[in-house]
Protein backbone atom coordinates (compact mmCIF):
# COMPACT_ATOMS: atom_id res chain seq x y z
CA UNK A 1 84.07 44.38 89.51
CA UNK A 2 81.71 45.69 87.01
CA UNK A 3 82.15 45.13 83.29
CA UNK A 4 81.24 48.16 81.08
CA UNK A 5 77.90 47.23 80.87
CA UNK A 6 76.34 46.76 83.70
CA UNK A 7 77.71 49.93 84.64
CA UNK A 8 75.58 51.17 81.23
CA UNK A 9 72.64 49.53 82.86
CA UNK A 10 72.96 51.41 86.95
CA UNK A 11 73.04 54.15 85.14
CA UNK A 12 70.53 53.63 82.93
CA UNK A 13 68.39 52.42 85.48
CA UNK A 14 69.01 55.92 87.51
CA UNK A 15 68.14 57.73 84.81
CA UNK A 16 64.66 56.14 83.63
CA UNK A 17 64.50 56.37 87.32
CA UNK A 18 64.91 60.31 87.14
CA UNK A 19 62.32 60.39 84.12
CA UNK A 20 59.67 58.41 85.56
CA UNK A 21 59.40 61.15 88.39
CA UNK A 22 59.35 63.79 86.81
CA UNK A 23 56.62 62.42 84.47
CA UNK A 24 54.56 61.89 87.55
CA UNK A 25 55.24 65.24 88.86
CA UNK A 26 54.60 66.87 85.40
CA UNK A 27 51.47 64.34 84.95
CA UNK A 28 50.51 66.08 88.85
CA UNK A 29 50.98 69.78 88.19
CA UNK A 30 49.31 69.34 84.82
CA UNK A 31 46.32 67.44 86.92
CA UNK A 32 46.45 69.98 89.53
CA UNK A 33 46.48 73.15 87.51
CA UNK A 34 43.38 71.40 85.58
CA UNK A 35 41.33 70.96 88.80
CA UNK A 36 42.55 74.40 89.80
CA UNK A 37 41.40 76.56 87.01
CA UNK A 38 37.94 74.40 87.19
CA UNK A 39 37.50 76.79 90.13
CA UNK A 40 39.51 79.23 89.25
CA UNK A 41 38.93 79.68 84.95
CA UNK A 42 41.15 82.89 85.12
CA UNK A 43 43.79 80.42 86.19
CA UNK A 44 43.50 78.68 82.79
CA UNK A 45 45.87 81.87 81.36
CA UNK A 46 48.71 80.54 83.13
CA UNK A 47 48.78 76.87 83.49
CA UNK A 48 51.31 74.32 84.25
CA UNK A 49 54.08 74.35 81.41
CA UNK A 50 53.07 77.95 80.22
CA UNK A 51 49.81 77.12 78.43
CA UNK A 52 46.89 79.18 78.21
CA UNK A 53 43.73 77.79 77.13
CA UNK A 54 41.13 80.65 78.37
CA UNK A 55 40.11 80.75 75.32
CA UNK A 56 39.20 76.85 74.82
CA UNK A 57 38.08 77.36 78.03
CA UNK A 58 36.04 80.58 77.67
CA UNK A 59 34.88 78.97 73.96
CA UNK A 60 33.82 75.34 75.69
CA UNK A 61 34.43 74.34 79.28
CA UNK A 62 33.55 70.20 77.74
CA UNK A 63 36.48 71.56 74.92
CA UNK A 64 38.27 72.91 77.64
CA UNK A 65 38.08 68.66 79.31
CA UNK A 66 38.48 67.35 77.06
CA UNK A 67 41.54 68.56 76.13
CA UNK A 68 43.02 68.95 79.08
CA UNK A 69 42.37 64.99 79.20
CA UNK A 70 44.14 63.97 77.01
CA UNK A 71 47.09 65.99 77.85
CA UNK A 72 46.79 64.19 81.13
CA UNK A 73 46.07 61.07 79.96
CA UNK A 74 48.87 61.46 77.42
CA UNK A 75 51.60 62.51 80.50
CA UNK A 76 50.67 59.26 82.74
CA UNK A 77 50.93 57.28 79.46
CA UNK A 78 54.29 57.57 79.27
CA UNK A 79 54.89 57.77 82.97
CA UNK A 80 53.57 54.34 82.98
CA UNK A 81 56.27 53.60 79.61
CA UNK A 82 58.60 54.86 82.55
CA UNK A 83 57.65 52.48 85.17
CA UNK A 84 57.27 49.29 82.77
CA UNK A 85 60.68 49.96 82.17
CA UNK A 86 62.30 50.19 85.32
CA UNK A 87 60.59 46.99 86.00
CA UNK A 88 62.40 45.45 83.67
CA UNK A 89 65.77 46.96 85.53
CA UNK A 90 64.22 44.98 87.81
CA UNK A 91 64.12 42.12 86.47
CA UNK A 92 66.83 41.76 83.93
CA UNK A 93 69.48 39.14 84.95
CA UNK A 94 72.43 40.04 82.97
CA UNK A 95 73.81 36.30 83.03
CA UNK A 96 70.59 34.74 81.65
CA UNK A 97 69.15 38.23 80.36
CA UNK A 98 66.33 36.85 77.41
CA UNK A 99 63.12 35.61 79.66
CA UNK A 100 59.79 35.37 79.19
CA UNK A 101 58.91 38.09 81.96
CA UNK A 102 61.28 40.45 80.15
CA UNK A 103 60.08 39.80 76.61
CA UNK A 104 56.33 40.07 77.72
CA UNK A 105 57.48 43.78 79.46
CA UNK A 106 58.79 45.10 76.42
CA UNK A 107 56.22 43.45 74.77
CA UNK A 108 53.71 45.52 76.57
CA UNK A 109 55.78 48.62 76.43
CA UNK A 110 55.12 48.86 72.07
CA UNK A 111 52.04 47.49 73.09
CA UNK A 112 50.94 51.02 75.09
CA UNK A 113 53.46 53.07 72.89
CA UNK A 114 51.60 52.47 69.91
CA UNK A 115 47.79 53.31 72.45
CA UNK A 116 49.81 56.11 72.96
CA UNK A 117 50.55 57.34 69.83
CA UNK A 118 46.68 56.66 68.84
CA UNK A 119 45.52 58.57 71.81
CA UNK A 120 47.83 61.35 70.69
CA UNK A 121 46.72 61.42 67.04
CA UNK A 122 42.73 61.56 68.66
CA UNK A 123 44.41 64.25 70.44
CA UNK A 124 45.61 66.17 67.83
CA UNK A 125 43.16 65.46 65.47
CA UNK A 126 40.64 67.19 67.51
CA UNK A 127 42.46 70.26 68.29
CA UNK A 128 43.36 70.80 64.48
CA UNK A 129 40.05 70.98 64.43
CA UNK A 130 39.15 73.44 67.65
CA UNK A 131 41.87 75.56 65.49
CA UNK A 132 39.38 74.78 62.89
CA UNK A 133 36.78 76.71 64.49
CA UNK A 134 39.11 79.71 65.70
CA UNK A 135 40.25 78.39 68.86
CA UNK A 136 44.38 77.74 68.76
CA UNK A 137 46.25 75.49 70.48
CA UNK A 138 49.49 75.45 70.68
CA UNK A 139 51.15 71.13 72.42
CA UNK A 140 53.24 69.39 70.45
CA UNK A 141 51.28 66.11 71.00
CA UNK A 142 54.36 63.90 69.55
CA UNK A 143 51.80 60.97 67.79
CA UNK A 144 54.41 59.97 65.61
CA UNK A 145 57.44 60.13 68.06
CA UNK A 146 55.07 57.38 69.84
CA UNK A 147 54.12 55.46 66.92
CA UNK A 148 57.75 55.29 66.24
CA UNK A 149 58.74 54.26 69.57
CA UNK A 150 56.29 52.04 69.35
CA UNK A 151 57.63 49.98 67.04
CA UNK A 152 61.45 50.28 67.06
CA UNK A 153 60.25 48.17 70.64
CA UNK A 154 57.89 45.77 68.86
CA UNK A 155 60.98 44.85 67.05
CA UNK A 156 63.30 44.51 70.29
CA UNK A 157 60.39 42.55 71.80
CA UNK A 158 61.02 40.34 68.79
CA UNK A 159 64.15 40.50 68.25
CA UNK A 160 63.91 39.18 72.62
CA UNK A 161 61.24 36.53 71.74
CA UNK A 162 64.15 34.86 69.24
CA UNK A 163 66.94 35.46 72.54
CA UNK A 164 64.90 33.37 74.72
CA UNK A 165 64.23 30.71 72.10
CA UNK A 166 67.89 30.45 71.20
CA UNK A 167 68.54 30.42 75.05
CA UNK A 168 66.03 28.45 75.86
CA UNK A 169 67.39 25.68 72.89
CA UNK A 170 71.26 25.96 73.68
CA UNK A 171 69.79 25.70 77.56
CA UNK A 172 69.03 21.73 76.29
CA UNK A 173 72.03 21.07 73.83
CA UNK A 174 74.21 21.15 77.03
C-alpha cells in the first residue's frame, strides 16, 4: 500500500507531465505562428493566444522578430524547467530522498529560472521602450514571478544540500 506522500508524488508527476506537454505545444504553436507570419504578414494580426503584433510588424520587422523571439524563448525555458522537474520525479527515491543528483537538478532549475527572469526583464524593458515609441504590446512577461520562483527554488536547493550532508553523517554513524 502506498503512503500519502507516494500518492501525492504520483499525482504531481502526472500534473508536471501535463504542464510539460502543454508548454511544448504552446512553444511550438508560438514558433509556428511566428514563422507563418513572416511569410504571410496578415497572420500577425491573429497570432497564437490572440496576440496582435501586426502594428509592430509594420513598424519594424526586426523588432517584431525580437519580441516574438523573447516570447518563444521564455515559453521554451518554462518547458525546459518542467522537463527538469520530470527528471527529478524519475530520480527521487523516498527511502533515501536526498541525493546529489536531485540536489544538482533542483539547483539547475533555480539557475534556469533566474536566467529566464533576467531574459523576461530585458524583454519587458524592450517592450516598454517600444510602447514609448507608439507600439503597444500587451503581453505579461512574468519577470517578477520567474525571479521569485528562482529564489524559492534556490533556497530549496540549499535545503537539499544540507539534507545530503545530514544523510551522509547519519549513514556514517550507523
